Amino acid sequence: MALVEITVIPLGTGSTSLSDYVAGCLKVLEQSEGVKYQLTPMGTVIEGDLPIIMGIIANMHEQPFLAGASRVSTTIRIDDRRDKEGTMESKVLAVQNKIIRPGGTD
């Protein structure tokens, strides 16, 4: 299972606000099957099979053009671990379990 972080940046929109474009990209994800995703302040993390995610990314990249952007810059980071299954939650928990909390254990 792969974890992919994607940031889609529409350019040439005539506005500094991008939330409408982000919403359009998230609609692509909502209509996709076989993946989980989490919106973050600076991008979106997608969890699933890499070939499926890559198709979704192509559709997300296209979305701002359909909404009137004249240029789109998309950044993708892929974490594709094959020796064991990793999820968004398991990666966060692995770090949290190593943090020593006052009055607790690590």
Protein backbone atom coordinates (compact mmCIF):
# COMPACT_ATOMS: atom_id res chain seq x y z
CA MET A 1 0.00 0.00 0.00
CA ALA A 2 1.29 3.44 -0.90
CA LEU A 3 0.94 6.77 0.84
CA VAL A 4 1.03 9.72 -1.53
CA GLU A 5 1.04 13.39 -0.65
CA ILE A 6 -0.22 15.64 -3.43
CA THR A 7 -0.38 19.40 -3.72
CA VAL A 8 -2.17 20.85 -6.74
CA ILE A 9 -1.51 24.55 -7.31
CA PRO A 10 -3.55 26.36 -9.96
CA LEU A 11 -1.84 29.40 -11.49
CA GLY A 12 -3.26 32.18 -13.60
CA THR A 13 -6.55 32.19 -11.73
CA GLY A 14 -6.85 35.92 -11.14
CA SER A 15 -7.25 35.39 -7.38
CA THR A 16 -5.12 34.43 -4.41
CA SER A 17 -7.92 32.24 -3.02
CA LEU A 18 -7.56 28.57 -3.95
CA SER A 19 -10.22 26.86 -1.82
CA ASP A 20 -12.65 26.44 -4.74
CA TYR A 21 -9.94 24.62 -6.70
CA VAL A 22 -9.04 22.47 -3.70
CA ALA A 23 -12.71 21.57 -3.29
CA GLY A 24 -12.83 20.51 -6.94
CA CYS A 25 -9.83 18.22 -6.43
CA LEU A 26 -11.42 16.72 -3.32
CA LYS A 27 -14.58 15.95 -5.28
CA VAL A 28 -12.41 13.79 -7.53
CA LEU A 29 -11.22 11.91 -4.43
CA GLU A 30 -14.74 11.56 -3.02
CA GLN A 31 -15.83 9.88 -6.25
CA SER A 32 -12.86 7.48 -6.21
CA GLU A 33 -13.04 3.98 -4.78
CA GLY A 34 -10.33 2.00 -3.06
CA VAL A 35 -8.48 4.88 -1.41
CA LYS A 36 -8.54 6.78 1.84
CA TYR A 37 -7.48 10.39 2.01
CA GLN A 38 -6.86 13.18 4.47
CA LEU A 39 -6.89 16.87 3.63
CA THR A 40 -4.13 18.84 5.34
CA PRO A 41 -3.51 22.59 5.35
CA MET A 42 -0.83 22.26 2.67
CA GLY A 43 -1.94 19.29 0.59
CA THR A 44 -3.72 15.94 0.67
CA VAL A 45 -2.46 12.49 1.68
CA ILE A 46 -3.91 9.53 -0.21
CA GLU A 47 -3.62 5.89 0.90
CA GLY A 48 -4.14 2.94 -1.43
CA ASP A 49 -2.70 0.98 -4.34
CA LEU A 50 -0.23 3.08 -6.30
CA PRO A 51 -1.64 2.44 -9.81
CA ILE A 52 -5.10 3.54 -8.63
CA ILE A 53 -3.69 6.62 -6.90
CA MET A 54 -1.74 7.64 -10.01
CA GLY A 55 -4.94 7.66 -12.06
CA ILE A 56 -6.66 9.75 -9.40
CA ILE A 57 -3.73 12.18 -9.39
CA ALA A 58 -4.09 12.70 -13.14
CA ASN A 59 -7.76 13.58 -12.64
CA MET A 60 -6.96 15.89 -9.72
CA HIS A 61 -4.30 17.67 -11.80
CA GLU A 62 -6.85 18.20 -14.59
CA GLN A 63 -9.55 19.62 -12.30
CA PRO A 64 -8.18 23.21 -12.02
CA PHE A 65 -7.94 23.43 -15.82
CA LEU A 66 -11.63 22.48 -16.03
CA ALA A 67 -12.35 25.27 -13.53
CA GLY A 68 -10.55 27.91 -15.60
CA ALA A 69 -6.92 27.87 -14.43
CA SER A 70 -4.44 28.51 -17.22
CA ARG A 71 -1.57 26.67 -15.55
CA VAL A 72 -1.30 23.96 -12.89
CA SER A 73 1.71 22.86 -10.86
CA THR A 74 1.34 19.52 -9.06
CA THR A 75 3.81 18.15 -6.53
CA ILE A 76 3.73 14.46 -5.55
CA ARG A 77 5.61 12.61 -2.79
CA ILE A 78 5.28 8.82 -2.74
CA ASP A 79 6.00 6.47 0.18
CA ASP A 80 5.59 2.96 -1.22
CA ARG A 81 6.68 0.40 1.37
CA ARG A 82 6.60 -3.22 0.26
CA ASP A 83 7.92 -5.09 3.32
CA LYS A 84 4.87 -4.36 5.47
CA GLU A 85 1.60 -2.53 5.15
CA GLY A 86 1.70 1.07 6.28
CA THR A 87 -1.20 3.41 6.76
CA MET A 88 -1.56 7.09 7.54
CA GLU A 89 -2.58 6.17 11.08
CA SER A 90 0.22 3.66 11.64
CA LYS A 91 2.90 6.13 10.58
CA VAL A 92 1.61 8.77 13.00
CA LEU A 93 1.22 6.26 15.83
CA ALA A 94 4.77 4.95 15.33
CA VAL A 95 6.12 8.44 16.01
CA GLN A 96 3.70 9.21 18.83
CA ASN A 97 4.67 5.97 20.59
CA LYS A 98 8.28 7.12 20.67
CA ILE A 99 7.54 10.46 22.29
CA ILE A 100 8.20 10.52 26.01
CA ARG A 101 5.28 12.19 27.72
CA PRO A 102 5.60 13.69 31.22
CA GLY A 103 4.42 11.11 33.75
CA GLY A 104 4.18 8.44 31.07
CA THR A 105 6.34 6.04 29.13
CA ASP A 106 7.51 6.09 25.55
